[in-house]
Amino acid sequence: METTDDLTTIIAISALAAMLAAILHEGLGHAAVALATGARSGVLSAVAWSSEFDSRLVAAGGTLVNLAAGLLLWVTLRSWRSAGISVRLFLLLSCAFNLFTGTGYFFFSGVTNFGDWSAVISPLTPHWVWRTLLVAAGIVLYYLAVLLVAAGFIRDLGIPRTDIPRLRRLTVVPYVTAVALAGLAALPNPIGIQLLWQSALPSTAGANSGLLWLRHYVPHSISPERDSELIPKSYVSIGTAACLGVLFIFVLGRGIRL
């Protein structure tokens, strides 16, 4: 009889959720928008999209898609009452990765003047005002995303707020998994190894850092709406994550010309 969550399955579900957020950001948010608005071709990798055509809409697309996906995943999580615990964990982590990436990018670009939203505000003046607005919006929206995700761990996964060891396990393991996956996928990217430390690792490690401390910000009004269930071993999740992970790192990581 299982007495704890299956670690391998948590890693697998975390990897699937992280890959989904990355593909939505780069593939749908950047590549699809670029190809639909003027780009003839480009190279899509796991951590970047590059083409001769660029626009502020393309730059903003990744973040906007992540935010829309995060909200849709949250609605799905709240409405799919019959979903099993593993599916609920996938939906919640996917929601978290998408919302944290979407809201975190505002803060990241405002502080560093680098990344997608630095390109969006580049022609706007006075520039320092727009950077300040990005930072402020990023802080507020990220905090709201943290509250939303933190509530999900208690309400939708049925974890008592007093079960700190389990909350830590189900947040730290996904965080480490997402950072490791982004690092591995960035290594063979066609733009160059500098993208690893300039964008892939900072954006992933920074954006998803809310997972490390959200257990301290669970709204007091939130209580479990489901019975507490352990994450069982799922060979389907593990096998799917392994296969897609290989493709994500070694195929999409190297870049695909579209």
Protein backbone atom coordinates (compact mmCIF):
# COMPACT_ATOMS: atom_id res chain seq x y z
CA MET A 1 0.00 0.00 0.00
CA GLU A 2 1.35 3.41 -0.98
CA THR A 3 2.24 5.72 1.88
CA THR A 4 3.63 8.66 -0.08
CA ASP A 5 3.38 10.31 -3.49
CA ASP A 6 5.30 8.57 -6.26
CA LEU A 7 8.32 10.77 -6.97
CA THR A 8 8.92 9.51 -10.51
CA THR A 9 5.34 10.29 -11.49
CA ILE A 10 5.54 13.77 -9.98
CA ILE A 11 8.68 14.43 -12.05
CA ALA A 12 6.96 13.10 -15.18
CA ILE A 13 3.83 15.21 -14.69
CA SER A 14 5.99 18.25 -13.95
CA ALA A 15 8.00 17.72 -17.14
CA LEU A 16 4.85 17.40 -19.24
CA ALA A 17 3.43 20.60 -17.75
CA ALA A 18 6.69 22.49 -18.27
CA MET A 19 6.99 21.33 -21.89
CA LEU A 20 3.41 22.41 -22.58
CA ALA A 21 4.07 25.92 -21.24
CA ALA A 22 7.29 26.25 -23.26
CA ILE A 23 5.71 25.04 -26.51
CA LEU A 24 2.73 27.34 -26.06
CA HIS A 25 5.07 30.28 -25.46
CA GLU A 26 7.51 29.69 -28.32
CA GLY A 27 5.39 27.70 -30.76
CA LEU A 28 1.97 29.29 -30.56
CA GLY A 29 2.79 32.66 -29.02
CA HIS A 30 5.85 33.53 -31.12
CA ALA A 31 6.17 31.20 -34.13
CA ALA A 32 2.50 30.93 -35.09
CA VAL A 33 1.92 34.67 -34.65
CA ALA A 34 5.02 35.49 -36.71
CA LEU A 35 4.06 33.12 -39.53
CA ALA A 36 0.50 34.46 -39.53
CA THR A 37 1.57 38.11 -39.68
CA GLY A 38 4.37 38.21 -42.22
CA ALA A 39 7.23 35.81 -41.51
CA ARG A 40 8.00 33.50 -44.42
CA SER A 41 9.97 31.07 -42.28
CA GLY A 42 11.92 30.80 -39.07
CA VAL A 43 13.56 28.41 -36.64
CA LEU A 44 11.60 27.16 -33.66
CA SER A 45 13.50 25.63 -30.75
CA ALA A 46 12.49 24.59 -27.26
CA VAL A 47 13.62 27.92 -25.83
CA ALA A 48 13.41 30.45 -28.67
CA TRP A 49 11.91 31.49 -31.99
CA SER A 50 14.05 33.32 -34.53
CA SER A 51 13.28 34.73 -37.97
CA GLU A 52 14.12 37.74 -40.09
CA PHE A 53 10.62 39.08 -39.46
CA ASP A 54 9.91 40.59 -36.07
CA SER A 55 7.24 42.80 -34.57
CA ARG A 56 5.97 43.95 -31.22
CA LEU A 57 2.98 41.62 -31.64
CA VAL A 58 5.28 38.64 -32.10
CA ALA A 59 7.27 39.68 -29.04
CA ALA A 60 4.12 40.00 -26.93
CA GLY A 61 2.54 36.83 -28.28
CA GLY A 62 4.36 34.34 -26.08
CA THR A 63 3.34 36.01 -22.84
CA LEU A 64 -0.24 36.61 -23.94
CA VAL A 65 -0.68 32.97 -24.97
CA ASN A 66 0.73 31.79 -21.62
CA LEU A 67 -1.68 34.03 -19.72
CA ALA A 68 -4.68 32.88 -21.76
CA ALA A 69 -3.66 29.23 -21.42
CA GLY A 70 -3.11 29.59 -17.69
CA LEU A 71 -6.60 30.98 -17.15
CA LEU A 72 -8.16 28.30 -19.38
CA LEU A 73 -6.32 25.58 -17.45
CA TRP A 74 -7.51 27.06 -14.16
CA VAL A 75 -11.13 27.04 -15.37
CA THR A 76 -10.70 23.43 -16.53
CA LEU A 77 -9.27 22.43 -13.16
CA ARG A 78 -12.14 24.05 -11.28
CA SER A 79 -14.87 22.60 -13.52
CA TRP A 80 -13.56 19.05 -14.12
CA ARG A 81 -14.87 17.57 -10.89
CA SER A 82 -14.36 13.93 -11.90
CA ALA A 83 -10.66 14.29 -12.78
CA GLY A 84 -8.25 12.03 -10.92
CA ILE A 85 -5.49 13.37 -8.70
CA SER A 86 -2.76 12.98 -11.35
CA VAL A 87 -4.81 14.89 -13.93
CA ARG A 88 -5.55 17.61 -11.39
CA LEU A 89 -1.85 17.92 -10.56
CA PHE A 90 -1.04 18.23 -14.27
CA LEU A 91 -3.69 20.91 -14.77
CA LEU A 92 -2.54 22.85 -11.71
CA LEU A 93 1.16 22.71 -12.60
CA SER A 94 0.40 23.63 -16.22
CA CYS A 95 -1.64 26.56 -14.95
CA ALA A 96 1.22 27.56 -12.65
CA PHE A 97 3.95 27.39 -15.29
CA ASN A 98 1.85 29.38 -17.77
CA LEU A 99 0.72 32.06 -15.33
CA PHE A 100 4.14 32.43 -13.71
CA THR A 101 5.84 32.72 -17.11
CA GLY A 102 3.25 35.19 -18.35
CA THR A 103 3.25 37.47 -15.32
CA GLY A 104 6.93 37.02 -14.50
CA TYR A 105 8.01 38.23 -17.93
CA PHE A 106 6.66 41.72 -17.21
CA PHE A 107 8.87 42.01 -14.13
CA PHE A 108 11.88 40.39 -15.83
CA SER A 109 11.82 42.69 -18.87
CA GLY A 110 11.12 45.77 -16.78
CA VAL A 111 14.08 45.16 -14.48
CA THR A 112 16.61 43.91 -17.05
CA ASN A 113 15.44 45.78 -20.18
CA PHE A 114 15.86 42.41 -21.92
CA GLY A 115 13.46 39.88 -23.35
CA ASP A 116 10.07 39.95 -25.02
CA TRP A 117 8.52 42.92 -23.29
CA SER A 118 11.59 45.09 -23.63
CA ALA A 119 10.98 44.76 -27.37
CA VAL A 120 7.30 45.58 -26.92
CA ILE A 121 7.99 48.87 -25.10
CA SER A 122 11.19 49.80 -26.98
CA PRO A 123 9.60 52.61 -29.09
CA LEU A 124 7.57 54.02 -26.20
CA THR A 125 8.67 57.12 -24.31
CA PRO A 126 9.58 58.04 -21.69
CA HIS A 127 11.19 54.61 -21.58
CA TRP A 128 11.84 54.56 -17.83
CA VAL A 129 8.14 55.10 -17.15
CA TRP A 130 7.17 52.09 -19.24
CA ARG A 131 9.83 49.96 -17.57
CA THR A 132 8.51 51.03 -14.18
CA LEU A 133 4.97 50.14 -15.22
CA LEU A 134 6.15 46.71 -16.36
CA VAL A 135 7.82 46.09 -13.01
CA ALA A 136 4.75 47.24 -11.07
CA ALA A 137 2.36 45.20 -13.22
CA GLY A 138 4.63 42.19 -12.95
CA ILE A 139 4.73 42.33 -9.14
CA VAL A 140 0.96 42.69 -8.76
CA LEU A 141 -0.01 40.09 -11.37
CA TYR A 142 2.62 37.60 -10.21
CA TYR A 143 1.39 37.87 -6.63
CA LEU A 144 -2.19 37.26 -7.78
CA ALA A 145 -1.00 34.22 -9.76
CA VAL A 146 0.76 32.89 -6.66
CA LEU A 147 -2.44 33.24 -4.62
CA LEU A 148 -4.44 31.44 -7.32
CA VAL A 149 -2.00 28.54 -7.61
CA ALA A 150 -1.48 28.28 -3.84
CA ALA A 151 -5.24 28.01 -3.38
CA GLY A 152 -5.32 25.23 -5.97
CA PHE A 153 -2.94 23.02 -4.01
CA ILE A 154 -5.25 23.19 -1.00
CA ARG A 155 -8.68 23.38 -2.58
CA ASP A 156 -8.32 21.26 -5.73
CA LEU A 157 -5.67 18.74 -4.65
CA GLY A 158 -7.13 18.40 -1.17
CA ILE A 159 -3.85 18.98 0.67
CA PRO A 160 -4.29 20.36 4.21
CA ARG A 161 -2.41 23.64 4.65
CA THR A 162 -0.73 22.08 7.70
CA ASP A 163 0.85 19.30 5.59
CA ILE A 164 3.99 21.33 4.87
CA PRO A 165 6.21 18.36 3.85
CA ARG A 166 3.75 17.34 1.13
CA LEU A 167 3.22 20.89 -0.09
CA ARG A 168 6.97 21.29 -0.29
CA ARG A 169 7.37 18.03 -2.23
CA LEU A 170 4.66 18.92 -4.75
CA THR A 171 6.11 22.37 -5.40
CA VAL A 172 9.89 21.99 -5.13
CA VAL A 173 10.09 18.86 -7.31
CA PRO A 174 8.18 20.52 -10.19
CA TYR A 175 10.35 23.63 -9.87
CA VAL A 176 13.62 21.68 -10.08
CA THR A 177 12.23 19.58 -12.93
CA ALA A 178 11.25 22.64 -14.98
CA VAL A 179 14.63 24.34 -14.47
CA ALA A 180 16.57 21.18 -15.34
CA LEU A 181 14.45 20.58 -18.44
CA ALA A 182 14.91 24.15 -19.67
CA GLY A 183 18.66 23.92 -19.12
CA LEU A 184 18.99 20.65 -21.03
CA ALA A 185 16.76 21.87 -23.88
CA ALA A 186 18.74 25.11 -24.19
CA LEU A 187 22.13 23.39 -24.57
CA PRO A 188 21.73 22.42 -28.27
CA ASN A 189 19.75 25.52 -29.31
CA PRO A 190 20.83 27.00 -32.68
CA ILE A 191 21.23 30.57 -31.42
CA GLY A 192 24.14 29.74 -29.13
CA ILE A 193 25.03 28.60 -25.64
CA GLN A 194 24.71 32.18 -24.35
CA LEU A 195 20.93 31.78 -24.56
CA LEU A 196 21.19 29.26 -21.72
CA TRP A 197 22.27 31.81 -19.11
CA GLN A 198 20.83 34.93 -20.75
CA SER A 199 17.27 33.70 -21.12
CA ALA A 200 16.41 30.02 -20.60
CA LEU A 201 17.66 29.56 -17.05
CA PRO A 202 16.91 33.06 -15.69
CA SER A 203 13.38 33.11 -17.10
CA THR A 204 12.56 29.56 -15.97
CA ALA A 205 14.23 29.69 -12.55
CA GLY A 206 13.01 33.20 -11.85
CA ALA A 207 9.50 32.96 -13.26
CA ASN A 208 8.68 29.70 -11.50
CA SER A 209 10.27 30.64 -8.18
CA GLY A 210 6.79 31.23 -6.80
CA LEU A 211 6.51 27.47 -6.41
CA LEU A 212 9.23 27.62 -3.75
CA TRP A 213 7.34 29.97 -1.43
CA LEU A 214 3.67 29.93 -2.37
CA ARG A 215 2.86 27.61 0.56
CA HIS A 216 3.35 30.64 2.82
CA TYR A 217 0.69 32.62 0.93
CA VAL A 218 -2.31 30.31 0.91
CA PRO A 219 -5.39 32.52 1.50
CA HIS A 220 -6.84 31.80 4.96
CA SER A 221 -10.33 31.43 3.50
CA ILE A 222 -9.27 28.44 1.37
CA SER A 223 -9.95 24.89 2.57
CA PRO A 224 -9.81 21.49 0.81
CA GLU A 225 -12.79 20.69 -1.41
CA ARG A 226 -11.52 17.20 -2.28
CA ASP A 227 -10.32 14.26 -0.24
CA SER A 228 -6.55 14.09 0.07
CA GLU A 229 -5.16 11.49 -2.35
CA LEU A 230 -1.61 10.33 -2.97
CA ILE A 231 -0.07 10.57 -6.44
CA PRO A 232 0.10 6.94 -7.62
CA LYS A 233 2.78 5.54 -9.90
CA SER A 234 1.67 6.08 -13.50
CA TYR A 235 3.67 4.27 -16.14
CA VAL A 236 1.66 6.10 -18.80
CA SER A 237 2.76 9.49 -17.44
CA ILE A 238 6.35 8.34 -17.00
CA GLY A 239 6.57 6.80 -20.47
CA THR A 240 4.90 9.77 -22.16
CA ALA A 241 7.17 12.26 -20.38
CA ALA A 242 10.27 10.24 -21.27
CA CYS A 243 9.38 10.04 -24.98
CA LEU A 244 8.30 13.66 -25.29
CA GLY A 245 11.26 14.79 -23.20
CA VAL A 246 13.70 13.18 -25.63
CA LEU A 247 11.98 14.91 -28.55
CA PHE A 248 11.82 18.20 -26.66
CA ILE A 249 15.54 18.22 -25.80
CA PHE A 250 17.19 16.54 -28.79
CA VAL A 251 14.85 17.47 -31.65
CA LEU A 252 13.06 20.69 -30.74
CA GLY A 253 16.07 21.76 -28.67
CA ARG A 254 18.23 21.80 -31.83
CA GLY A 255 15.63 23.81 -33.70
CA ILE A 256 13.14 23.05 -36.45
CA ARG A 257 12.79 25.25 -39.51
CA LEU A 258 9.19 26.17 -40.25
